[in-house]
Amino acid sequence: EEDETPLFTQRSKLMLFNAETKAYDSKGVGEMKLLQRKDDKSKVRLLCRSDGMGNILLNTSLVKSFTYAPLTDENENLIKIPIVEADGKLATYVVKFKQKADGRQFAKSIENAKKEM
């Protein structure tokens, strides 16, 4: 992380959409960070570590063609994070913030970062 600039940092809850149960499984609570490489502005990633132990809950690159948006217009504090897993399958994470303003700021930070990619 020392070679990266934090574009956004906020405590959040990370959930993964379970296609079988059609529910969101909690992955944990921690600091969600949007990090941009200092030497290559086109390299941006999302990193979330759990509170306490610091285990990595999410570490994925931002994909310019993906849409990172609120779950619904009313739930601006819930932001969808589509990722491609190691086996090539698409998974959808949801980041939950306490405040709607934090969700709006997170989505805006991602859109601003995508413009520089």
Protein backbone atom coordinates (compact mmCIF):
# COMPACT_ATOMS: atom_id res chain seq x y z
CA GLU A 1 0.00 0.00 0.00
CA GLU A 2 2.99 2.33 0.34
CA ASP A 3 3.18 2.80 -3.47
CA GLU A 4 -0.50 3.78 -3.61
CA THR A 5 -2.55 6.89 -2.98
CA PRO A 6 -5.81 6.38 -1.06
CA LEU A 7 -8.67 8.00 -3.02
CA PHE A 8 -11.33 6.90 -0.53
CA THR A 9 -11.28 5.32 2.94
CA GLN A 10 -14.34 4.52 5.03
CA ARG A 11 -15.42 1.82 7.48
CA SER A 12 -18.02 -0.48 5.94
CA LYS A 13 -19.61 -3.91 5.99
CA LEU A 14 -18.80 -6.24 3.10
CA MET A 15 -21.38 -8.75 1.84
CA LEU A 16 -21.32 -11.29 -1.00
CA PHE A 17 -24.42 -12.16 -3.05
CA ASN A 18 -25.22 -15.88 -2.75
CA ALA A 19 -26.98 -16.99 -5.95
CA GLU A 20 -28.31 -20.20 -4.37
CA THR A 21 -30.06 -18.57 -1.41
CA LYS A 22 -30.67 -15.22 -3.17
CA ALA A 23 -29.36 -13.52 -0.02
CA TYR A 24 -26.30 -11.52 0.98
CA ASP A 25 -23.75 -13.34 3.14
CA SER A 26 -21.71 -11.11 5.45
CA LYS A 27 -17.96 -11.29 4.86
CA GLY A 28 -17.03 -8.92 7.67
CA VAL A 29 -16.57 -5.32 8.74
CA GLY A 30 -13.52 -3.23 7.95
CA GLU A 31 -11.92 -0.26 6.24
CA MET A 32 -12.86 -0.08 2.52
CA LYS A 33 -10.11 1.63 0.55
CA LEU A 34 -9.88 2.80 -3.04
CA LEU A 35 -6.15 2.83 -3.86
CA GLN A 36 -4.43 4.25 -6.94
CA ARG A 37 -0.84 3.43 -7.94
CA LYS A 38 1.46 6.46 -7.71
CA ASP A 39 3.55 5.41 -10.74
CA ASP A 40 0.61 4.24 -12.92
CA LYS A 41 -2.68 6.12 -12.44
CA SER A 42 -4.56 3.54 -14.54
CA LYS A 43 -4.02 0.90 -11.83
CA VAL A 44 -6.73 1.25 -9.19
CA ARG A 45 -7.87 -1.40 -6.73
CA LEU A 46 -10.38 -1.91 -3.95
CA LEU A 47 -9.00 -3.24 -0.68
CA CYS A 48 -10.95 -4.14 2.45
CA ARG A 49 -9.32 -5.55 5.57
CA SER A 50 -11.26 -6.86 8.54
CA ASP A 51 -11.25 -4.93 11.80
CA GLY A 52 -8.99 -6.42 14.43
CA MET A 53 -7.07 -9.20 12.67
CA GLY A 54 -6.61 -7.29 9.41
CA ASN A 55 -7.49 -10.25 7.20
CA ILE A 56 -8.11 -9.33 3.57
CA LEU A 57 -11.84 -9.46 2.81
CA LEU A 58 -11.59 -8.01 -0.69
CA ASN A 59 -8.65 -7.15 -2.94
CA THR A 60 -9.63 -6.56 -6.55
CA SER A 61 -8.72 -4.27 -9.44
CA LEU A 62 -11.20 -1.70 -10.67
CA VAL A 63 -12.54 -2.61 -14.12
CA LYS A 64 -13.35 0.40 -16.28
CA SER A 65 -16.21 -1.35 -18.10
CA PHE A 66 -17.95 -2.48 -14.88
CA THR A 67 -20.68 -0.40 -13.23
CA TYR A 68 -20.20 0.34 -9.54
CA ALA A 69 -23.55 1.76 -8.44
CA PRO A 70 -26.04 1.79 -5.56
CA LEU A 71 -28.25 -1.29 -5.17
CA THR A 72 -31.34 0.90 -5.61
CA ASP A 73 -31.97 4.64 -5.75
CA GLU A 74 -33.25 4.56 -2.17
CA ASN A 75 -30.27 2.56 -0.86
CA GLU A 76 -27.37 4.84 -1.76
CA ASN A 77 -25.37 3.44 1.19
CA LEU A 78 -25.32 -0.02 -0.49
CA ILE A 79 -22.89 -0.09 -3.44
CA LYS A 80 -22.56 -3.07 -5.81
CA ILE A 81 -19.01 -4.25 -6.55
CA PRO A 82 -18.87 -6.74 -9.45
CA ILE A 83 -15.66 -8.80 -9.55
CA VAL A 84 -14.23 -11.60 -11.66
CA GLU A 85 -13.14 -14.47 -9.44
CA ALA A 86 -10.02 -16.60 -10.03
CA ASP A 87 -12.11 -19.26 -11.81
CA GLY A 88 -13.48 -16.65 -14.23
CA LYS A 89 -16.96 -16.45 -12.68
CA LEU A 90 -18.61 -13.14 -11.95
CA ALA A 91 -19.45 -12.40 -8.30
CA THR A 92 -21.25 -9.42 -6.81
CA TYR A 93 -20.14 -7.91 -3.53
CA VAL A 94 -22.14 -5.23 -1.77
CA VAL A 95 -20.44 -2.62 0.39
CA LYS A 96 -22.70 -1.20 3.09
CA PHE A 97 -21.92 2.20 4.59
CA LYS A 98 -23.70 3.76 7.58
CA GLN A 99 -24.50 6.98 5.76
CA LYS A 100 -25.97 7.48 2.28
CA ALA A 101 -23.47 10.31 1.78
CA ASP A 102 -20.59 7.83 2.24
CA GLY A 103 -22.07 5.58 -0.43
CA ARG A 104 -22.47 8.51 -2.82
CA GLN A 105 -18.88 9.62 -2.14
CA PHE A 106 -17.59 6.06 -2.69
CA ALA A 107 -19.39 5.72 -6.04
CA LYS A 108 -18.21 9.20 -7.08
CA SER A 109 -14.59 8.36 -6.14
CA ILE A 110 -14.77 5.20 -8.26
CA GLU A 111 -16.17 7.12 -11.26
CA ASN A 112 -13.43 9.77 -10.94
CA ALA A 113 -10.76 7.05 -10.78
CA LYS A 114 -12.22 5.33 -13.87
CA LYS A 115 -11.83 8.59 -15.86
CA GLU A 116 -8.05 8.45 -15.30
CA MET A 117 -7.78 4.82 -16.40
